[in-house]
Amino acid sequence: MKLESASIDDLIQVLASRELSATELTTHFLNRIDARSDLNAFISVEHDLALESAAEADRRLRAGDQAPLLGIPIAEKDLFCTTGGLTTAASKMLANYRSPFDSTVSLNLKQAGAVRLGKCNLDEFAMGSSNENSYFGPVKNPWDTTRVPGGSSGGSAAAVAAGLCTAATGTDTGGSIRQPAAFCGLTGLKPTYGRISRWGMIAFASSLDQAGPMTRSAADAASLLEVMAGSDHQDSTSLPEPVPPYRQLIEQSIKGRTIGVVPSLLDGVSSAIVEAYQTCQSALASLGASFREVALPHHTHSVGAYYVIAPAECSANLARYDGVRFGHRCEDPRDLQDLYLRSREEGFGDEVKRRILVGTFALSAGYYDAYYNKAQQVRRLIQADFISAFEDVDMILLPTTPSTAFQLGENISDPVSMYLQDIFTISANLAGLPAISFPAGQAEGLPIGLQLIGPHLDESTLLQCVHQYQQVSDWHIRTPSEPS
């Protein structure tokens, strides 16, 4: 068994049988991280902390503890506050920040016995679709290091795809789990808004942000989601709903399930992705699913609505980084205004400043109704489209991205082209719905991802459908070649 591509279930068996200790397993992955520093997938590698956690996992294993992720090596997106190391959000503003507390997601994973290897790179404050906006440099796609891994959770995606960890956490505000999962050949789940606590997750756009798992398979995603999900009194948007046994439910057949398709949305998509889409339909039909055309008439307005709402919320959330309370502080300010201006000018990167400016404009007097309120009205129409569609179907199949991973630097100077990379993912965030991207083909050696969007709180059906598809396909177990 290759440890770097083994499933969570396989590694649990290895650890339970004492074939390997958690310390040996952790050391294996730490060595792989060090050997693949060229990918720049990690901002910080927590060697000592990881080995301490692994030693504790070994003690718990010897005592008969059966915690669900005991000894499993994972990585966390550096947007989750964690104790014992840095939490940077990939920004100069927080380059030296040490959190005094753990996010709820991080604490849940720690209590489940997972061993955190380090914190993964991302687009600064999760703002980007290519992971080229990080203060710590761009991440490279392990399938082709001249290409982007996607963003903003590009470091998490690259780390799992390259076998530097078994699974990783990501966040998804407009596609930031699903798009990098598609570009790197992974299964990435954005749960229902509120399914996972946002406490301790550095905010970008509070009505859109949601944490989720990034893994090789739906089975691994289900295992991680069971631990990450749950109600949390520290997050007022956390839903007071019980957590289903996701890992158990995925074994059910999808016979009789109806999947919606929207043929008009395939216009402009690369021919390779359209072919993968049609092949996937055939595979799902062979498993007993049927298909029905549905309409999402306001889907094409999702990018426009998102890029008003998200920057508006970003401008409010990032107002706290002022050089006074915490974060980067400029040298020798002349007065208070100079302190504010230079601290923010020096601390934030270009993309973050662009979105703050757009958001502040959209919220300003005289423009609030014309932009922010109008975008929220469009958001409601998009939600209504999905509600109507789910009266006839159980889920909807769409591409995740319009193309495979693009070249590093290809879109960095063209914000509009970069924003359009999220054209298929944003609508699920605006509607607060669960959506999952999964590997469904390759084109010229690069992974192709498709996504399923489901009704509110129905992650189990999405995971079930992808798991059954992965029983008759092998795209999710293919791995990029190792450097010689």
Protein backbone atom coordinates (compact mmCIF):
# COMPACT_ATOMS: atom_id res chain seq x y z
CA MET A 1 0.00 0.00 0.00
CA LYS A 2 1.26 3.48 -0.90
CA LEU A 3 0.67 5.48 2.26
CA GLU A 4 0.51 8.78 0.40
CA SER A 5 -2.52 7.68 -1.63
CA ALA A 6 -4.18 5.44 0.98
CA SER A 7 -7.71 6.17 2.14
CA ILE A 8 -8.64 7.14 5.69
CA ASP A 9 -10.22 3.70 6.18
CA ASP A 10 -7.02 1.99 4.99
CA LEU A 11 -4.83 4.02 7.33
CA ILE A 12 -7.15 3.37 10.27
CA GLN A 13 -6.68 -0.36 9.63
CA VAL A 14 -2.90 0.03 9.37
CA LEU A 15 -2.77 1.87 12.68
CA ALA A 16 -5.20 -0.48 14.42
CA SER A 17 -3.20 -3.54 13.37
CA ARG A 18 0.03 -1.91 14.66
CA GLU A 19 1.55 -2.37 11.20
CA LEU A 20 2.67 1.23 11.56
CA SER A 21 2.57 3.67 14.46
CA ALA A 22 1.06 7.14 14.15
CA THR A 23 4.53 8.54 14.71
CA GLU A 24 5.94 6.55 11.79
CA LEU A 25 3.02 7.57 9.59
CA THR A 26 3.43 11.24 10.52
CA THR A 27 7.17 11.11 9.89
CA HIS A 28 6.52 9.64 6.43
CA PHE A 29 4.28 12.56 5.48
CA LEU A 30 6.54 15.21 7.03
CA ASN A 31 9.39 13.85 4.90
CA ARG A 32 7.20 14.08 1.80
CA ILE A 33 6.29 17.68 2.60
CA ASP A 34 9.96 18.59 2.93
CA ALA A 35 10.75 16.84 -0.36
CA ARG A 36 8.02 18.73 -2.26
CA SER A 37 8.71 22.26 -1.04
CA ASP A 38 8.73 23.25 -4.73
CA LEU A 39 4.94 23.17 -4.70
CA ASN A 40 4.79 25.84 -1.95
CA ALA A 41 1.66 24.12 -0.65
CA PHE A 42 2.43 24.89 3.01
CA ILE A 43 2.97 28.21 4.74
CA SER A 44 4.12 26.49 7.93
CA VAL A 45 5.07 22.86 8.55
CA GLU A 46 4.59 22.01 12.22
CA HIS A 47 7.16 19.23 12.64
CA ASP A 48 7.40 19.25 16.43
CA LEU A 49 3.69 19.77 17.07
CA ALA A 50 2.78 17.04 14.58
CA LEU A 51 5.13 14.52 16.19
CA GLU A 52 3.77 15.41 19.64
CA SER A 53 0.22 14.85 18.37
CA ALA A 54 1.29 11.57 16.76
CA ALA A 55 2.86 10.36 20.01
CA GLU A 56 -0.38 11.21 21.82
CA ALA A 57 -2.34 9.30 19.14
CA ASP A 58 -0.10 6.28 19.71
CA ARG A 59 -0.83 6.41 23.44
CA ARG A 60 -4.54 6.61 22.74
CA LEU A 61 -4.35 3.73 20.26
CA ARG A 62 -2.56 1.52 22.81
CA ALA A 63 -5.29 2.38 25.32
CA GLY A 64 -7.97 1.15 22.90
CA ASP A 65 -9.30 4.58 21.94
CA GLN A 66 -11.40 4.45 18.76
CA ALA A 67 -11.67 8.13 17.91
CA PRO A 68 -12.71 8.43 14.24
CA LEU A 69 -9.54 10.07 12.89
CA LEU A 70 -7.02 8.88 15.46
CA GLY A 71 -3.51 9.20 13.99
CA ILE A 72 -4.67 10.34 10.54
CA PRO A 73 -2.29 12.99 9.08
CA ILE A 74 -4.13 16.05 7.77
CA ALA A 75 -3.39 19.66 6.86
CA GLU A 76 -5.42 22.78 7.53
CA LYS A 77 -5.94 25.80 5.34
CA ASP A 78 -4.16 28.72 6.99
CA LEU A 79 -7.47 30.52 7.40
CA PHE A 80 -8.39 28.51 10.51
CA CYS A 81 -7.11 29.86 13.82
CA THR A 82 -4.94 27.28 15.56
CA THR A 83 -2.82 27.36 18.68
CA GLY A 84 0.83 26.37 18.72
CA GLY A 85 1.82 27.95 15.42
CA LEU A 86 1.08 30.77 13.00
CA THR A 87 -2.28 31.71 11.47
CA THR A 88 -1.55 34.08 8.60
CA ALA A 89 -4.45 34.03 6.08
CA ALA A 90 -1.53 34.20 3.59
CA SER A 91 -1.25 37.94 4.24
CA LYS A 92 1.53 40.25 5.34
CA MET A 93 -1.13 41.74 7.61
CA LEU A 94 -1.07 38.56 9.75
CA ALA A 95 2.36 37.18 8.82
CA ASN A 96 3.40 36.86 12.48
CA TYR A 97 0.01 36.29 14.11
CA ARG A 98 -0.32 33.53 16.71
CA SER A 99 -3.88 32.74 17.63
CA PRO A 100 -4.68 32.28 21.34
CA PHE A 101 -7.47 29.82 20.50
CA ASP A 102 -8.43 27.03 18.10
CA SER A 103 -11.24 27.35 15.59
CA THR A 104 -14.16 25.00 16.20
CA VAL A 105 -13.20 22.99 13.09
CA SER A 106 -9.60 22.66 14.29
CA LEU A 107 -10.72 21.67 17.78
CA ASN A 108 -13.16 19.07 16.42
CA LEU A 109 -10.40 17.51 14.31
CA LYS A 110 -7.95 17.56 17.20
CA GLN A 111 -10.44 15.85 19.52
CA ALA A 112 -11.12 13.24 16.83
CA GLY A 113 -7.41 12.39 16.93
CA ALA A 114 -6.28 13.87 13.62
CA VAL A 115 -2.60 14.86 13.43
CA ARG A 116 -2.12 18.31 11.91
CA LEU A 117 1.04 18.43 9.81
CA GLY A 118 0.90 22.15 9.10
CA LYS A 119 -1.01 25.06 7.61
CA CYS A 120 -1.62 25.28 3.86
CA ASN A 121 -1.11 28.20 1.52
CA LEU A 122 -4.06 30.08 0.02
CA ASP A 123 -5.02 33.24 -1.79
CA GLU A 124 -4.70 36.11 0.69
CA PHE A 125 -7.76 36.21 2.97
CA ALA A 126 -9.26 33.56 0.61
CA MET A 127 -9.66 36.10 -2.20
CA GLY A 128 -8.72 34.48 -5.48
CA SER A 129 -9.20 31.60 -7.90
CA SER A 130 -5.61 30.59 -8.57
CA ASN A 131 -3.59 30.78 -5.33
CA GLU A 132 -1.36 33.41 -6.93
CA ASN A 133 -2.40 36.13 -4.46
CA SER A 134 -0.54 34.79 -1.42
CA TYR A 135 2.02 36.94 0.40
CA PHE A 136 4.05 33.73 0.65
CA GLY A 137 4.11 33.13 -3.11
CA PRO A 138 1.98 31.09 -5.52
CA VAL A 139 1.20 27.39 -5.16
CA LYS A 140 1.95 25.06 -8.07
CA ASN A 141 -0.32 22.33 -9.36
CA PRO A 142 1.32 18.89 -8.80
CA TRP A 143 -0.14 17.61 -12.08
CA ASP A 144 1.78 20.32 -13.98
CA THR A 145 3.90 22.77 -12.01
CA THR A 146 3.53 25.42 -14.70
CA ARG A 147 -0.18 25.61 -13.88
CA VAL A 148 -2.26 26.94 -10.99
CA PRO A 149 -3.84 24.58 -8.44
CA GLY A 150 -6.97 26.75 -8.22
CA GLY A 151 -7.99 28.91 -5.32
CA SER A 152 -8.41 30.02 -2.78
CA SER A 153 -7.76 26.60 -1.16
CA GLY A 154 -4.94 25.84 -3.61
CA GLY A 155 -2.42 24.80 -0.97
CA SER A 156 -4.83 22.30 0.54
CA ALA A 157 -5.64 20.88 -2.90
CA ALA A 158 -2.00 20.60 -3.95
CA ALA A 159 -1.04 18.98 -0.64
CA VAL A 160 -3.65 16.22 -0.90
CA ALA A 161 -3.10 15.66 -4.64
CA ALA A 162 0.67 15.35 -4.18
CA GLY A 163 0.27 12.92 -1.27
CA LEU A 164 1.65 15.31 1.35
CA CYS A 165 -1.30 14.58 3.65
CA THR A 166 -4.31 12.27 3.64
CA ALA A 167 -6.91 15.04 3.73
CA ALA A 168 -7.13 18.78 4.25
CA THR A 169 -9.58 21.45 5.27
CA GLY A 170 -10.66 24.19 2.90
CA THR A 171 -13.11 27.06 2.81
CA ASP A 172 -15.54 27.94 0.05
CA THR A 173 -16.95 31.45 -0.40
CA GLY A 174 -17.55 31.30 -4.16
CA GLY A 175 -15.98 27.98 -5.16
CA SER A 176 -12.73 27.95 -3.20
CA ILE A 177 -12.99 24.26 -2.28
CA ARG A 178 -14.57 22.96 -5.47
CA GLN A 179 -12.50 24.79 -8.09
CA PRO A 180 -9.09 23.70 -6.71
CA ALA A 181 -10.50 20.20 -6.16
CA ALA A 182 -11.40 20.11 -9.86
CA PHE A 183 -8.00 21.43 -10.97
CA CYS A 184 -6.12 18.94 -8.76
CA GLY A 185 -8.26 15.81 -9.24
CA LEU A 186 -9.84 15.71 -5.78
CA THR A 187 -13.23 15.38 -4.14
CA GLY A 188 -14.12 18.69 -2.49
CA LEU A 189 -17.33 19.37 -0.58
CA LYS A 190 -18.90 22.73 0.25
CA PRO A 191 -21.58 21.90 2.82
CA THR A 192 -24.82 23.79 3.44
CA TYR A 193 -24.21 27.24 4.89
CA GLY A 194 -24.25 26.77 8.67
CA ARG A 195 -23.59 23.02 8.62
CA ILE A 196 -20.03 23.64 9.90
CA SER A 197 -19.17 26.32 12.46
CA ARG A 198 -17.32 29.40 11.21
CA TRP A 199 -15.99 30.20 14.70
CA GLY A 200 -12.27 30.88 14.41
CA MET A 201 -12.31 30.84 10.61
CA ILE A 202 -10.96 34.20 9.44
CA ALA A 203 -13.86 35.94 7.72
CA PHE A 204 -13.99 37.01 4.09
CA ALA A 205 -17.72 37.30 3.33
CA SER A 206 -19.73 36.17 6.34
CA SER A 207 -22.97 35.26 4.57
CA LEU A 208 -21.11 33.09 2.04
CA ASP A 209 -18.09 31.50 3.80
CA GLN A 210 -18.29 27.80 4.61
CA ALA A 211 -15.65 25.27 5.63
CA GLY A 212 -15.43 21.80 4.11
CA PRO A 213 -13.23 18.75 3.48
CA MET A 214 -10.80 18.22 0.58
CA THR A 215 -10.00 14.55 0.03
CA ARG A 216 -9.36 11.96 -2.64
CA SER A 217 -12.73 10.25 -2.35
CA ALA A 218 -16.31 10.79 -1.24
CA ALA A 219 -15.77 8.17 1.47
CA ASP A 220 -12.93 10.19 2.97
CA ALA A 221 -14.96 13.40 2.63
CA ALA A 222 -17.82 11.77 4.52
CA SER A 223 -15.47 10.68 7.32
CA LEU A 224 -14.06 14.19 7.66
CA LEU A 225 -17.47 15.90 7.44
CA GLU A 226 -18.85 13.82 10.31
CA VAL A 227 -16.14 15.29 12.53
CA MET A 228 -16.18 18.86 11.20
CA ALA A 229 -19.96 19.38 11.19
CA GLY A 230 -22.26 20.22 14.06
CA SER A 231 -24.02 23.02 15.90
CA ASP A 232 -21.87 25.54 17.75
CA HIS A 233 -23.19 28.13 20.22
CA GLN A 234 -20.19 30.36 19.39
CA ASP A 235 -21.44 30.81 15.80
CA SER A 236 -24.89 32.37 15.52
CA THR A 237 -25.21 31.13 11.92
CA SER A 238 -24.49 27.51 12.91
CA LEU A 239 -27.51 25.31 12.27
CA PRO A 240 -28.97 23.37 15.24
CA GLU A 241 -29.24 20.17 13.21
CA PRO A 242 -27.98 16.68 14.12
CA VAL A 243 -25.04 15.36 12.11
CA PRO A 244 -26.04 12.33 10.00
CA PRO A 245 -23.82 9.22 9.78
CA TYR A 246 -22.46 10.33 6.41
CA ARG A 247 -19.91 7.52 6.09
CA GLN A 248 -22.60 4.89 6.58
CA LEU A 249 -25.18 6.52 4.30
CA ILE A 250 -22.91 6.66 1.23
CA GLU A 251 -23.17 2.90 0.79
CA GLN A 252 -26.81 3.18 -0.30
CA SER A 253 -27.79 2.76 -3.96
CA ILE A 254 -28.70 5.77 -6.10
CA LYS A 255 -31.26 3.77 -8.04
CA GLY A 256 -34.36 5.90 -8.50
CA ARG A 257 -32.56 9.21 -7.94
CA THR A 258 -33.30 11.98 -10.44
CA ILE A 259 -30.48 14.30 -11.47
CA GLY A 260 -31.13 17.65 -13.09
CA VAL A 261 -29.17 18.89 -16.10
CA VAL A 262 -29.05 22.37 -17.64
CA PRO A 263 -27.80 21.95 -21.25
CA SER A 264 -27.71 25.71 -21.94
CA LEU A 265 -25.01 26.16 -19.29
CA LEU A 266 -22.59 23.97 -21.26
CA ASP A 267 -22.17 26.68 -23.91
CA GLY A 268 -18.61 27.97 -23.85
CA VAL A 269 -17.30 25.04 -21.82
CA SER A 270 -14.28 23.18 -23.22
CA SER A 271 -15.13 20.16 -25.39
CA ALA A 272 -13.18 17.84 -23.07
CA ILE A 273 -15.32 18.84 -20.10
CA VAL A 274 -18.54 18.43 -22.12
CA GLU A 275 -17.38 14.93 -23.10
CA ALA A 276 -16.57 14.08 -19.47
CA TYR A 277 -19.99 15.43 -18.46
CA GLN A 278 -21.76 13.15 -20.94
CA THR A 279 -19.67 10.12 -19.96
CA CYS A 280 -20.45 10.72 -16.30
CA GLN A 281 -24.16 10.90 -17.11
CA SER A 282 -23.94 7.48 -18.74
CA ALA A 283 -22.15 6.01 -15.72
CA LEU A 284 -24.73 7.43 -13.30
CA ALA A 285 -27.56 6.15 -15.52
CA SER A 286 -26.02 2.66 -15.38
CA LEU A 287 -26.24 2.91 -11.57
CA GLY A 288 -29.97 3.57 -11.76
CA ALA A 289 -30.18 7.35 -11.81
CA SER A 290 -32.39 9.19 -14.29
CA PHE A 291 -31.99 12.68 -15.75
CA ARG A 292 -34.34 15.59 -16.28
CA GLU A 293 -33.74 19.03 -17.74
CA VAL A 294 -34.28 21.89 -15.30
CA ALA A 295 -34.08 25.66 -15.67
CA LEU A 296 -31.82 28.00 -13.72
CA PRO A 297 -32.71 31.22 -15.53
CA HIS A 298 -30.82 33.57 -13.19
CA HIS A 299 -27.64 31.48 -12.94
CA THR A 300 -25.81 33.72 -15.42
CA HIS A 301 -26.24 36.67 -13.03
CA SER A 302 -24.52 34.90 -10.15
CA VAL A 303 -21.02 36.26 -10.86
CA GLY A 304 -22.26 39.85 -11.00
CA ALA A 305 -24.26 39.51 -7.78
CA TYR A 306 -21.42 37.76 -5.99
CA TYR A 307 -18.82 40.37 -6.88
CA VAL A 308 -20.96 43.03 -5.24
CA ILE A 309 -22.01 41.09 -2.14
CA ALA A 310 -18.67 39.42 -1.34
CA PRO A 311 -16.54 42.61 -1.61
CA ALA A 312 -19.12 44.54 0.43
CA GLU A 313 -18.88 42.01 3.25
CA CYS A 314 -15.11 41.86 2.83
CA SER A 315 -14.76 45.63 3.27
CA ALA A 316 -16.67 45.40 6.55
CA ASN A 317 -14.83 42.33 7.85
CA LEU A 318 -11.36 43.63 7.04
CA ALA A 319 -11.95 47.03 8.64
CA ARG A 320 -10.64 45.56 11.90
CA TYR A 321 -7.11 45.27 10.50
CA ASP A 322 -5.99 48.82 11.23
CA GLY A 323 -2.52 48.58 12.75
CA VAL A 324 -3.87 49.26 16.24
CA ARG A 325 -5.52 46.14 17.59
CA PHE A 326 -3.46 43.44 15.90
CA GLY A 327 -1.85 42.70 12.57
CA HIS A 328 0.79 44.58 10.60
CA ARG A 329 1.70 48.04 11.92
CA CYS A 330 3.70 50.51 9.83
CA GLU A 331 6.97 51.98 11.10
CA ASP A 332 7.08 55.47 12.67
CA PRO A 333 3.58 56.77 11.82
CA ARG A 334 3.29 60.56 11.82
CA ASP A 335 -0.23 60.55 13.23
CA LEU A 336 -3.27 58.27 13.58
CA GLN A 337 -4.42 58.73 9.99
CA ASP A 338 -0.95 57.90 8.69
CA LEU A 339 -0.92 54.80 10.91
CA TYR A 340 -4.21 53.56 9.45
CA LEU A 341 -3.36 54.37 5.84
CA ARG A 342 0.16 52.97 5.71
CA SER A 343 -0.56 49.89 7.85
CA ARG A 344 -3.37 48.84 5.51
CA GLU A 345 -1.50 49.86 2.36
CA GLU A 346 1.54 47.80 3.38
CA GLY A 347 -0.38 44.92 4.95
CA PHE A 348 -2.85 44.07 2.19
CA GLY A 349 -2.07 42.75 -1.29
CA ASP A 350 -3.47 44.14 -4.54
CA GLU A 351 -6.44 41.77 -4.87
CA VAL A 352 -7.57 42.34 -1.29
CA LYS A 353 -7.31 46.12 -1.72
CA ARG A 354 -9.26 45.88 -4.99
CA ARG A 355 -12.13 44.06 -3.29
CA ILE A 356 -12.14 46.39 -0.27
CA LEU A 357 -12.45 49.37 -2.63
CA VAL A 358 -15.24 47.75 -4.67
CA GLY A 359 -17.11 46.76 -1.52
CA THR A 360 -16.76 50.12 0.16
CA PHE A 361 -18.09 51.81 -2.99
CA ALA A 362 -21.06 49.43 -3.17
CA LEU A 363 -21.98 50.21 0.43
CA SER A 364 -21.49 53.96 0.22
CA ALA A 365 -24.31 56.48 0.50
CA GLY A 366 -26.11 56.91 -2.80
CA TYR A 367 -24.95 53.56 -4.19
CA TYR A 368 -26.18 51.07 -1.56
CA ASP A 369 -29.61 50.61 -3.18
CA ALA A 370 -28.27 50.55 -6.73
CA TYR A 371 -25.64 47.89 -6.06
CA TYR A 372 -25.80 46.01 -2.76
CA ASN A 373 -29.58 45.83 -2.43
CA LYS A 374 -29.97 44.94 -6.11
CA ALA A 375 -27.39 42.15 -5.78
CA GLN A 376 -29.27 40.75 -2.79
CA GLN A 377 -32.49 40.74 -4.85
CA VAL A 378 -30.71 38.79 -7.60
CA ARG A 379 -29.43 36.41 -4.92
CA ARG A 380 -33.01 35.72 -3.86
CA LEU A 381 -34.00 34.96 -7.47
CA ILE A 382 -31.12 32.47 -7.74
CA GLN A 383 -32.28 30.79 -4.54
CA ALA A 384 -35.83 30.60 -5.92
CA ASP A 385 -34.55 28.95 -9.11
CA PHE A 386 -32.95 26.16 -7.09
CA ILE A 387 -36.01 25.71 -4.87
CA SER A 388 -38.15 25.30 -7.99
CA ALA A 389 -35.69 22.87 -9.61
CA PHE A 390 -35.50 20.67 -6.52
CA GLU A 391 -39.23 20.07 -6.70
CA ASP A 392 -38.47 17.81 -9.69
CA VAL A 393 -34.93 16.51 -9.09
CA ASP A 394 -32.78 15.29 -6.19
CA MET A 395 -29.62 17.12 -7.29
CA ILE A 396 -28.19 19.03 -10.26
CA LEU A 397 -25.10 18.07 -12.29
CA LEU A 398 -22.91 20.90 -13.60
CA PRO A 399 -19.29 21.36 -14.61
CA THR A 400 -17.14 22.72 -11.78
CA THR A 401 -14.98 24.90 -14.03
CA PRO A 402 -15.15 26.05 -17.66
CA SER A 403 -11.69 24.61 -18.39
CA THR A 404 -8.87 22.61 -16.84
CA ALA A 405 -6.13 24.32 -14.79
CA PHE A 406 -4.71 27.36 -16.55
CA GLN A 407 -1.12 28.54 -16.67
CA LEU A 408 0.47 30.43 -13.80
CA GLY A 409 0.27 34.14 -14.66
CA GLU A 410 -2.29 33.62 -17.44
CA ASN A 411 -5.15 35.52 -15.77
CA ILE A 412 -3.39 37.38 -12.97
CA SER A 413 -3.51 40.76 -14.77
CA ASP A 414 -7.12 40.34 -15.92
CA PRO A 415 -9.45 40.32 -12.87
CA VAL A 416 -12.60 39.78 -14.95
CA SER A 417 -11.23 36.63 -16.61
CA MET A 418 -10.14 35.39 -13.20
CA TYR A 419 -13.56 36.06 -11.66
CA LEU A 420 -15.28 34.15 -14.49
CA GLN A 421 -13.43 30.99 -13.42
CA ASP A 422 -16.10 30.75 -10.68
CA ILE A 423 -19.09 30.93 -13.02
CA PHE A 424 -20.36 27.44 -12.13
CA THR A 425 -19.58 27.47 -8.40
CA ILE A 426 -20.85 30.82 -7.10
CA SER A 427 -24.58 30.09 -7.33
CA ALA A 428 -24.42 27.38 -4.64
CA ASN A 429 -22.83 29.87 -2.22
CA LEU A 430 -25.41 32.55 -2.96
CA ALA A 431 -28.19 30.03 -2.30
CA GLY A 432 -26.45 28.49 0.74
CA LEU A 433 -26.66 25.00 -0.78
CA PRO A 434 -24.33 21.99 -0.48
CA ALA A 435 -22.22 21.18 -3.55
CA ILE A 436 -19.49 18.66 -4.25
CA SER A 437 -16.82 18.55 -6.96
CA PHE A 438 -15.39 15.19 -7.97
CA PRO A 439 -12.89 13.93 -10.57
CA ALA A 440 -14.59 12.75 -13.77
CA GLY A 441 -11.95 12.71 -16.49
CA GLN A 442 -8.70 14.13 -17.78
CA ALA A 443 -7.64 16.27 -20.73
CA GLU A 444 -4.01 16.38 -21.80
CA GLY A 445 -2.97 14.97 -18.45
CA LEU A 446 -4.95 17.49 -16.38
CA PRO A 447 -7.90 16.55 -14.15
CA ILE A 448 -11.50 17.44 -15.01
CA GLY A 449 -14.00 18.04 -12.22
CA LEU A 450 -17.79 17.94 -12.27
CA GLN A 451 -20.07 19.03 -9.45
CA LEU A 452 -23.38 18.07 -7.94
CA ILE A 453 -25.53 20.66 -6.13
CA GLY A 454 -28.19 19.45 -3.72
CA PRO A 455 -31.02 20.79 -1.55
CA HIS A 456 -30.45 22.45 1.79
CA LEU A 457 -28.82 20.06 4.34
CA ASP A 458 -28.69 17.11 1.90
CA GLU A 459 -24.93 16.50 1.86
CA SER A 460 -25.56 12.79 2.38
CA THR A 461 -27.22 12.36 -1.04
CA LEU A 462 -24.38 14.18 -2.80
CA LEU A 463 -21.75 12.06 -1.04
CA GLN A 464 -23.76 8.91 -1.75
CA CYS A 465 -24.01 9.69 -5.48
CA VAL A 466 -20.31 10.51 -5.84
CA HIS A 467 -19.28 7.46 -3.82
CA GLN A 468 -21.36 5.16 -6.04
CA TYR A 469 -19.85 6.81 -9.13
CA GLN A 470 -16.38 6.25 -7.69
CA GLN A 471 -17.12 2.53 -7.39
CA VAL A 472 -17.33 2.34 -11.20
CA SER A 473 -14.64 4.89 -12.11
CA ASP A 474 -11.00 5.35 -11.20
CA TRP A 475 -10.40 9.08 -11.73
CA HIS A 476 -10.28 9.70 -7.98
CA ILE A 477 -7.44 7.21 -7.42
CA ARG A 478 -5.18 8.56 -10.16
CA THR A 479 -2.25 10.54 -8.88
CA PRO A 480 0.25 12.96 -10.48
CA SER A 481 3.63 11.56 -11.36
CA GLU A 482 6.42 12.00 -8.81
CA PRO A 483 9.41 14.17 -9.75
CA SER A 484 12.45 12.14 -10.71
